[in-house]
């Protein structure tokens, strides 16, 4: 049987001097896209593709069996689309959620907002090069950036405008001035280290503020923090 999600060392914390590879599951119904992603990722010394799926239903089954560190899902797939697959693996009612990154095309894929609301940790444009793809996998594995800040702000703003979602709930407790500053930078796609530099504080202090923000805004990850910002109009689109 496969080890549980929490039984393995984190991919970013070496064990006995050996870096543990980030285990990735890829799901895309287009064979040429899938093959390209596998080739690019397997060429990285610290990333290992552990499974491939051709549709959403198979993706969910494989993800539950293999418990990868990151699931890389196309949004448009037969039988079960990437949004529903994400919801089943990372939704609010999932006890031990997996990390999902969805692959999208900016011009015509209006579903990415729904995927983020369903629990996706981030997204990647299909024309992203190997460097950005690798960065996205690493960022998702460590729970960090939403991926490229310029893409993040533009895409989230686009979907916040186009999605008539309910207005987000107010914070459980008022936010401090410093938490508000951290929140705005998260929504702009900044990484923890970039936020620390911008605000002249330590990375561990950033993490403390993030934990407080997640609790106060009832959010599961920084994607949801960013969505809250756009949904409440804090970030002007």
C-alpha atoms as a PDB file:
ATOM      1  CA  UNK A   1       0.000   0.000   0.000  1.00  0.00           C
ATOM      2  CA  UNK A   2       1.113   3.529  -0.636  1.00  0.00           C
ATOM      3  CA  UNK A   3       2.275   5.646   2.298  1.00  0.00           C
ATOM      4  CA  UNK A   4      -0.136   8.237   3.635  1.00  0.00           C
ATOM      5  CA  UNK A   5       0.206  11.853   2.606  1.00  0.00           C
ATOM      6  CA  UNK A   6       1.845  12.856   5.870  1.00  0.00           C
ATOM      7  CA  UNK A   7       4.133   9.851   6.130  1.00  0.00           C
ATOM      8  CA  UNK A   8       6.640  11.119   3.583  1.00  0.00           C
ATOM      9  CA  UNK A   9       9.175  13.857   4.250  1.00  0.00           C
ATOM     10  CA  UNK A  10       8.330  17.176   2.645  1.00  0.00           C
ATOM     11  CA  UNK A  11       9.911  17.530  -0.808  1.00  0.00           C
ATOM     12  CA  UNK A  12      11.621  20.703   0.326  1.00  0.00           C
ATOM     13  CA  UNK A  13      13.216  19.304   3.445  1.00  0.00           C
ATOM     14  CA  UNK A  14      16.133  16.998   2.660  1.00  0.00           C
ATOM     15  CA  UNK A  15      16.350  13.779   4.607  1.00  0.00           C
ATOM     16  CA  UNK A  16      19.839  12.480   5.398  1.00  0.00           C
ATOM     17  CA  UNK A  17      21.241  14.920   2.855  1.00  0.00           C
ATOM     18  CA  UNK A  18      19.097  13.554   0.016  1.00  0.00           C
ATOM     19  CA  UNK A  19      16.459  15.801  -1.557  1.00  0.00           C
ATOM     20  CA  UNK A  20      13.134  14.030  -1.919  1.00  0.00           C
ATOM     21  CA  UNK A  21      11.683  14.500  -5.394  1.00  0.00           C
ATOM     22  CA  UNK A  22       8.357  16.288  -5.745  1.00  0.00           C
ATOM     23  CA  UNK A  23       5.891  13.635  -6.942  1.00  0.00           C
ATOM     24  CA  UNK A  24       3.564  14.904  -9.676  1.00  0.00           C
ATOM     25  CA  UNK A  25       0.405  13.470 -11.261  1.00  0.00           C
ATOM     26  CA  UNK A  26      -0.532  14.846 -14.694  1.00  0.00           C
ATOM     27  CA  UNK A  27      -4.060  14.768 -16.145  1.00  0.00           C
ATOM     28  CA  UNK A  28      -4.799  15.952 -19.680  1.00  0.00           C
ATOM     29  CA  UNK A  29      -6.870  14.290 -22.389  1.00  0.00           C
ATOM     30  CA  UNK A  30      -4.549  15.506 -25.164  1.00  0.00           C
ATOM     31  CA  UNK A  31      -1.741  12.996 -25.539  1.00  0.00           C
ATOM     32  CA  UNK A  32       0.712  15.479 -27.067  1.00  0.00           C
ATOM     33  CA  UNK A  33       0.223  17.932 -24.189  1.00  0.00           C
ATOM     34  CA  UNK A  34       0.583  15.169 -21.613  1.00  0.00           C
ATOM     35  CA  UNK A  35       3.733  13.820 -23.258  1.00  0.00           C
ATOM     36  CA  UNK A  36       5.255  17.303 -23.358  1.00  0.00           C
ATOM     37  CA  UNK A  37       4.542  17.924 -19.673  1.00  0.00           C
ATOM     38  CA  UNK A  38       5.971  14.540 -18.690  1.00  0.00           C
ATOM     39  CA  UNK A  39       9.121  15.141 -20.723  1.00  0.00           C
ATOM     40  CA  UNK A  40       9.673  18.616 -19.273  1.00  0.00           C
ATOM     41  CA  UNK A  41       9.075  17.590 -15.670  1.00  0.00           C
ATOM     42  CA  UNK A  42      10.974  14.305 -15.750  1.00  0.00           C
ATOM     43  CA  UNK A  43      13.997  16.249 -17.026  1.00  0.00           C
ATOM     44  CA  UNK A  44      14.108  18.089 -13.687  1.00  0.00           C
ATOM     45  CA  UNK A  45      16.377  16.440 -11.092  1.00  0.00           C
ATOM     46  CA  UNK A  46      13.959  17.038  -8.192  1.00  0.00           C
ATOM     47  CA  UNK A  47      10.596  16.320  -9.863  1.00  0.00           C
ATOM     48  CA  UNK A  48       9.188  12.876 -10.622  1.00  0.00           C
ATOM     49  CA  UNK A  49       6.033  12.208 -12.642  1.00  0.00           C
ATOM     50  CA  UNK A  50       4.357   9.314 -10.815  1.00  0.00           C
ATOM     51  CA  UNK A  51       1.186   9.004 -12.889  1.00  0.00           C
ATOM     52  CA  UNK A  52      -0.748  10.135 -15.960  1.00  0.00           C
ATOM     53  CA  UNK A  53      -4.500  10.335 -16.447  1.00  0.00           C
ATOM     54  CA  UNK A  54      -6.500  10.901 -19.627  1.00  0.00           C
ATOM     55  CA  UNK A  55      -9.721  12.117 -17.998  1.00  0.00           C
ATOM     56  CA  UNK A  56     -10.974  13.591 -14.746  1.00  0.00           C
ATOM     57  CA  UNK A  57     -12.409  10.387 -13.329  1.00  0.00           C
ATOM     58  CA  UNK A  58      -9.122   8.536 -13.801  1.00  0.00           C
ATOM     59  CA  UNK A  59      -7.268  11.565 -12.381  1.00  0.00           C
ATOM     60  CA  UNK A  60      -9.252  11.447  -9.127  1.00  0.00           C
ATOM     61  CA  UNK A  61      -8.776   7.682  -8.754  1.00  0.00           C
ATOM     62  CA  UNK A  62      -5.035   7.869  -9.422  1.00  0.00           C
ATOM     63  CA  UNK A  63      -4.584  10.862  -7.117  1.00  0.00           C
ATOM     64  CA  UNK A  64      -6.294   9.031  -4.248  1.00  0.00           C
ATOM     65  CA  UNK A  65      -4.160   5.951  -4.851  1.00  0.00           C
ATOM     66  CA  UNK A  66      -0.783   7.651  -5.385  1.00  0.00           C
ATOM     67  CA  UNK A  67      -1.153  10.710  -3.092  1.00  0.00           C
ATOM     68  CA  UNK A  68       1.174  12.885  -5.205  1.00  0.00           C
ATOM     69  CA  UNK A  69       2.692  16.097  -3.845  1.00  0.00           C
ATOM     70  CA  UNK A  70       1.197  18.080  -6.737  1.00  0.00           C
ATOM     71  CA  UNK A  71      -1.618  17.288  -9.196  1.00  0.00           C
ATOM     72  CA  UNK A  72      -1.346  19.122 -12.521  1.00  0.00           C
ATOM     73  CA  UNK A  73      -4.818  19.072 -14.115  1.00  0.00           C
ATOM     74  CA  UNK A  74      -6.208  20.360 -17.378  1.00  0.00           C
ATOM     75  CA  UNK A  75      -9.568  22.050 -16.806  1.00  0.00           C
ATOM     76  CA  UNK A  76     -11.331  20.631 -19.859  1.00  0.00           C
ATOM     77  CA  UNK A  77     -11.399  16.839 -19.636  1.00  0.00           C
ATOM     78  CA  UNK A  78     -13.992  14.186 -20.504  1.00  0.00           C
ATOM     79  CA  UNK A  79     -16.122  12.299 -17.923  1.00  0.00           C
ATOM     80  CA  UNK A  80     -15.169  14.708 -15.144  1.00  0.00           C
ATOM     81  CA  UNK A  81     -13.780  18.189 -15.747  1.00  0.00           C
ATOM     82  CA  UNK A  82     -10.828  19.628 -13.902  1.00  0.00           C
ATOM     83  CA  UNK A  83     -13.041  21.731 -11.634  1.00  0.00           C
ATOM     84  CA  UNK A  84     -15.019  18.770 -10.307  1.00  0.00           C
ATOM     85  CA  UNK A  85     -11.842  16.662 -10.058  1.00  0.00           C
ATOM     86  CA  UNK A  86     -10.276  19.477  -8.018  1.00  0.00           C
ATOM     87  CA  UNK A  87     -13.354  19.720  -5.779  1.00  0.00           C
ATOM     88  CA  UNK A  88     -13.246  15.982  -5.048  1.00  0.00           C
ATOM     89  CA  UNK A  89      -9.546  16.113  -4.131  1.00  0.00           C
ATOM     90  CA  UNK A  90      -9.136  19.563  -2.566  1.00  0.00           C
ATOM     91  CA  UNK A  91     -12.636  20.853  -1.786  1.00  0.00           C
ATOM     92  CA  UNK A  92     -13.815  22.165   1.561  1.00  0.00           C
ATOM     93  CA  UNK A  93     -15.275  18.816   2.609  1.00  0.00           C
ATOM     94  CA  UNK A  94     -12.050  16.881   1.913  1.00  0.00           C
ATOM     95  CA  UNK A  95     -10.312  15.861   5.131  1.00  0.00           C
ATOM     96  CA  UNK A  96      -6.814  15.424   3.707  1.00  0.00           C
ATOM     97  CA  UNK A  97      -6.760  17.650   0.598  1.00  0.00           C
ATOM     98  CA  UNK A  98      -4.229  17.249  -2.167  1.00  0.00           C
ATOM     99  CA  UNK A  99      -2.428  20.109  -3.894  1.00  0.00           C
ATOM    100  CA  UNK A 100      -3.934  20.821  -7.326  1.00  0.00           C
ATOM    101  CA  UNK A 101      -2.625  23.219  -9.975  1.00  0.00           C
ATOM    102  CA  UNK A 102      -4.881  23.717 -12.999  1.00  0.00           C
ATOM    103  CA  UNK A 103      -3.624  24.381 -16.512  1.00  0.00           C
ATOM    104  CA  UNK A 104      -5.577  26.940 -18.467  1.00  0.00           C
ATOM    105  CA  UNK A 105      -5.592  29.171 -21.524  1.00  0.00           C
ATOM    106  CA  UNK A 106      -6.149  32.809 -20.621  1.00  0.00           C
ATOM    107  CA  UNK A 107      -8.123  33.784 -23.708  1.00  0.00           C
ATOM    108  CA  UNK A 108     -10.980  31.323 -23.551  1.00  0.00           C
ATOM    109  CA  UNK A 109     -10.885  29.394 -20.319  1.00  0.00           C
ATOM    110  CA  UNK A 110     -13.349  31.099 -18.009  1.00  0.00           C
ATOM    111  CA  UNK A 111     -13.461  28.056 -15.746  1.00  0.00           C
ATOM    112  CA  UNK A 112     -10.280  28.764 -13.838  1.00  0.00           C
ATOM    113  CA  UNK A 113     -12.077  30.956 -11.282  1.00  0.00           C
ATOM    114  CA  UNK A 114     -14.336  28.019 -10.466  1.00  0.00           C
ATOM    115  CA  UNK A 115     -11.300  25.743 -10.180  1.00  0.00           C
ATOM    116  CA  UNK A 116      -9.670  28.113  -7.695  1.00  0.00           C
ATOM    117  CA  UNK A 117     -12.901  28.271  -5.693  1.00  0.00           C
ATOM    118  CA  UNK A 118     -13.023  24.470  -5.801  1.00  0.00           C
ATOM    119  CA  UNK A 119      -9.683  24.331  -4.015  1.00  0.00           C
ATOM    120  CA  UNK A 120      -6.953  24.580  -6.661  1.00  0.00           C
ATOM    121  CA  UNK A 121      -3.699  25.908  -5.205  1.00  0.00           C
ATOM    122  CA  UNK A 122      -2.831  27.834  -8.340  1.00  0.00           C
ATOM    123  CA  UNK A 123      -2.873  27.828 -12.107  1.00  0.00           C
ATOM    124  CA  UNK A 124      -0.565  27.836 -15.066  1.00  0.00           C
ATOM    125  CA  UNK A 125      -1.046  29.011 -18.612  1.00  0.00           C
ATOM    126  CA  UNK A 126      -0.636  26.310 -21.245  1.00  0.00           C
ATOM    127  CA  UNK A 127       1.985  28.319 -23.092  1.00  0.00           C
ATOM    128  CA  UNK A 128       4.189  28.615 -20.005  1.00  0.00           C
ATOM    129  CA  UNK A 129       7.759  27.569 -20.678  1.00  0.00           C
ATOM    130  CA  UNK A 130       9.691  24.903 -18.790  1.00  0.00           C
ATOM    131  CA  UNK A 131      11.135  27.397 -16.291  1.00  0.00           C
ATOM    132  CA  UNK A 132       7.719  28.713 -15.243  1.00  0.00           C
ATOM    133  CA  UNK A 133       6.282  25.197 -15.193  1.00  0.00           C
ATOM    134  CA  UNK A 134       9.040  24.042 -12.843  1.00  0.00           C
ATOM    135  CA  UNK A 135       8.623  27.127 -10.652  1.00  0.00           C
ATOM    136  CA  UNK A 136       4.881  26.502 -10.472  1.00  0.00           C
ATOM    137  CA  UNK A 137       5.365  22.918  -9.287  1.00  0.00           C
ATOM    138  CA  UNK A 138       7.858  24.013  -6.624  1.00  0.00           C
ATOM    139  CA  UNK A 139       5.646  26.893  -5.491  1.00  0.00           C
ATOM    140  CA  UNK A 140       2.613  24.639  -5.180  1.00  0.00           C
ATOM    141  CA  UNK A 141       4.571  21.974  -3.287  1.00  0.00           C
ATOM    142  CA  UNK A 142       5.713  24.476  -0.670  1.00  0.00           C
ATOM    143  CA  UNK A 143       2.356  26.273  -0.508  1.00  0.00           C
ATOM    144  CA  UNK A 144       3.865  29.488  -1.760  1.00  0.00           C
ATOM    145  CA  UNK A 145       3.116  31.768  -4.705  1.00  0.00           C
ATOM    146  CA  UNK A 146       0.051  31.788  -6.892  1.00  0.00           C
ATOM    147  CA  UNK A 147       2.539  31.564  -9.788  1.00  0.00           C
ATOM    148  CA  UNK A 148       3.714  34.492 -11.983  1.00  0.00           C
ATOM    149  CA  UNK A 149       2.503  37.715 -10.299  1.00  0.00           C
ATOM    150  CA  UNK A 150       1.676  39.551 -13.539  1.00  0.00           C
ATOM    151  CA  UNK A 151      -0.421  36.615 -14.731  1.00  0.00           C
ATOM    152  CA  UNK A 152      -1.985  36.149 -11.314  1.00  0.00           C
ATOM    153  CA  UNK A 153      -3.233  39.706 -10.920  1.00  0.00           C
ATOM    154  CA  UNK A 154      -4.549  39.916 -14.477  1.00  0.00           C
ATOM    155  CA  UNK A 155      -6.255  36.544 -14.452  1.00  0.00           C
ATOM    156  CA  UNK A 156      -7.809  36.866 -10.993  1.00  0.00           C
ATOM    157  CA  UNK A 157      -9.044  40.357 -11.849  1.00  0.00           C
ATOM    158  CA  UNK A 158     -10.543  39.037 -15.073  1.00  0.00           C
ATOM    159  CA  UNK A 159     -12.452  36.258 -13.344  1.00  0.00           C
ATOM    160  CA  UNK A 160     -13.497  38.389 -10.392  1.00  0.00           C
ATOM    161  CA  UNK A 161     -15.172  40.724 -12.897  1.00  0.00           C
ATOM    162  CA  UNK A 162     -16.785  37.976 -14.937  1.00  0.00           C
ATOM    163  CA  UNK A 163     -18.027  35.853 -12.037  1.00  0.00           C
ATOM    164  CA  UNK A 164     -21.136  37.168 -10.216  1.00  0.00           C
ATOM    165  CA  UNK A 165     -20.071  35.435  -7.015  1.00  0.00           C
ATOM    166  CA  UNK A 166     -21.561  36.164  -3.600  1.00  0.00           C
ATOM    167  CA  UNK A 167     -19.759  38.911  -1.752  1.00  0.00           C
ATOM    168  CA  UNK A 168     -17.205  37.287   0.565  1.00  0.00           C
ATOM    169  CA  UNK A 169     -17.895  37.186   4.287  1.00  0.00           C
ATOM    170  CA  UNK A 170     -16.246  39.850   6.479  1.00  0.00           C
ATOM    171  CA  UNK A 171     -13.286  38.751   8.639  1.00  0.00           C
ATOM    172  CA  UNK A 172     -14.021  36.781  11.810  1.00  0.00           C
ATOM    173  CA  UNK A 173     -11.876  39.377  13.624  1.00  0.00           C
ATOM    174  CA  UNK A 174     -10.650  42.774  12.359  1.00  0.00           C
ATOM    175  CA  UNK A 175      -7.361  42.661  10.455  1.00  0.00           C
ATOM    176  CA  UNK A 176      -4.332  44.528  11.788  1.00  0.00           C
ATOM    177  CA  UNK A 177      -2.616  47.120   9.590  1.00  0.00           C
ATOM    178  CA  UNK A 178       0.301  44.751   9.052  1.00  0.00           C
ATOM    179  CA  UNK A 179      -2.027  41.878   8.123  1.00  0.00           C
ATOM    180  CA  UNK A 180      -3.725  44.134   5.582  1.00  0.00           C
ATOM    181  CA  UNK A 181      -0.359  44.984   4.057  1.00  0.00           C
ATOM    182  CA  UNK A 182       0.560  41.286   3.819  1.00  0.00           C
ATOM    183  CA  UNK A 183      -2.856  40.450   2.369  1.00  0.00           C
ATOM    184  CA  UNK A 184      -2.544  43.031  -0.418  1.00  0.00           C
ATOM    185  CA  UNK A 185       0.875  41.675  -1.402  1.00  0.00           C
ATOM    186  CA  UNK A 186      -0.421  38.085  -1.395  1.00  0.00           C
ATOM    187  CA  UNK A 187      -3.196  39.169  -3.768  1.00  0.00           C
ATOM    188  CA  UNK A 188      -0.561  40.652  -6.073  1.00  0.00           C
ATOM    189  CA  UNK A 189       1.129  37.256  -6.293  1.00  0.00           C
ATOM    190  CA  UNK A 190       4.161  38.022  -4.115  1.00  0.00           C
ATOM    191  CA  UNK A 191       6.061  35.140  -2.514  1.00  0.00           C
ATOM    192  CA  UNK A 192       6.754  35.036   1.232  1.00  0.00           C
ATOM    193  CA  UNK A 193      10.352  36.174   0.724  1.00  0.00           C
ATOM    194  CA  UNK A 194       9.241  39.063  -1.516  1.00  0.00           C
ATOM    195  CA  UNK A 195       6.652  40.141   1.069  1.00  0.00           C
ATOM    196  CA  UNK A 196       9.323  39.999   3.773  1.00  0.00           C
ATOM    197  CA  UNK A 197      11.608  42.240   1.696  1.00  0.00           C
ATOM    198  CA  UNK A 198       8.820  44.691   0.836  1.00  0.00           C
ATOM    199  CA  UNK A 199       7.739  45.094   4.459  1.00  0.00           C
ATOM    200  CA  UNK A 200      11.220  44.743   6.043  1.00  0.00           C
ATOM    201  CA  UNK A 201      10.155  41.803   8.194  1.00  0.00           C
ATOM    202  CA  UNK A 202      11.357  38.202   8.458  1.00  0.00           C
ATOM    203  CA  UNK A 203       9.885  35.335   6.436  1.00  0.00           C
ATOM    204  CA  UNK A 204       8.780  33.659   9.665  1.00  0.00           C
ATOM    205  CA  UNK A 205       6.859  36.826  10.595  1.00  0.00           C
ATOM    206  CA  UNK A 206       5.192  36.758   7.154  1.00  0.00           C
ATOM    207  CA  UNK A 207       4.140  33.147   7.813  1.00  0.00           C
ATOM    208  CA  UNK A 208       2.698  34.141  11.186  1.00  0.00           C
ATOM    209  CA  UNK A 209       0.627  36.892   9.560  1.00  0.00           C
ATOM    210  CA  UNK A 210      -0.495  34.478   6.828  1.00  0.00           C
ATOM    211  CA  UNK A 211      -1.671  31.934   9.394  1.00  0.00           C
ATOM    212  CA  UNK A 212      -3.672  34.667  11.133  1.00  0.00           C
ATOM    213  CA  UNK A 213      -5.169  35.837   7.826  1.00  0.00           C
ATOM    214  CA  UNK A 214      -6.195  32.303   6.849  1.00  0.00           C
ATOM    215  CA  UNK A 215      -7.968  31.923  10.183  1.00  0.00           C
ATOM    216  CA  UNK A 216      -9.667  35.333  10.174  1.00  0.00           C
ATOM    217  CA  UNK A 217     -10.870  35.036   6.568  1.00  0.00           C
ATOM    218  CA  UNK A 218     -11.758  31.327   6.826  1.00  0.00           C
ATOM    219  CA  UNK A 219      -9.489  30.612   3.853  1.00  0.00           C
ATOM    220  CA  UNK A 220      -7.627  27.381   3.102  1.00  0.00           C
ATOM    221  CA  UNK A 221      -4.713  28.829   1.168  1.00  0.00           C
ATOM    222  CA  UNK A 222      -3.288  32.029  -0.307  1.00  0.00           C
ATOM    223  CA  UNK A 223      -5.331  31.593  -3.484  1.00  0.00           C
ATOM    224  CA  UNK A 224      -8.481  32.033  -1.409  1.00  0.00           C
ATOM    225  CA  UNK A 225      -6.945  35.069   0.304  1.00  0.00           C
ATOM    226  CA  UNK A 226      -6.411  36.628  -3.124  1.00  0.00           C
ATOM    227  CA  UNK A 227      -9.936  35.725  -4.244  1.00  0.00           C
ATOM    228  CA  UNK A 228     -11.289  37.384  -1.098  1.00  0.00           C
ATOM    229  CA  UNK A 229      -9.390  40.566  -1.971  1.00  0.00           C
ATOM    230  CA  UNK A 230     -10.785  40.692  -5.483  1.00  0.00           C
ATOM    231  CA  UNK A 231     -14.284  39.720  -4.365  1.00  0.00           C
ATOM    232  CA  UNK A 232     -14.454  42.506  -1.797  1.00  0.00           C
ATOM    233  CA  UNK A 233     -13.002  45.109  -4.142  1.00  0.00           C
ATOM    234  CA  UNK A 234      -9.854  45.638  -2.025  1.00  0.00           C
ATOM    235  CA  UNK A 235      -7.830  45.132  -5.188  1.00  0.00           C
ATOM    236  CA  UNK A 236      -9.257  47.347  -7.916  1.00  0.00           C
ATOM    237  CA  UNK A 237      -9.676  45.495 -11.207  1.00  0.00           C
END
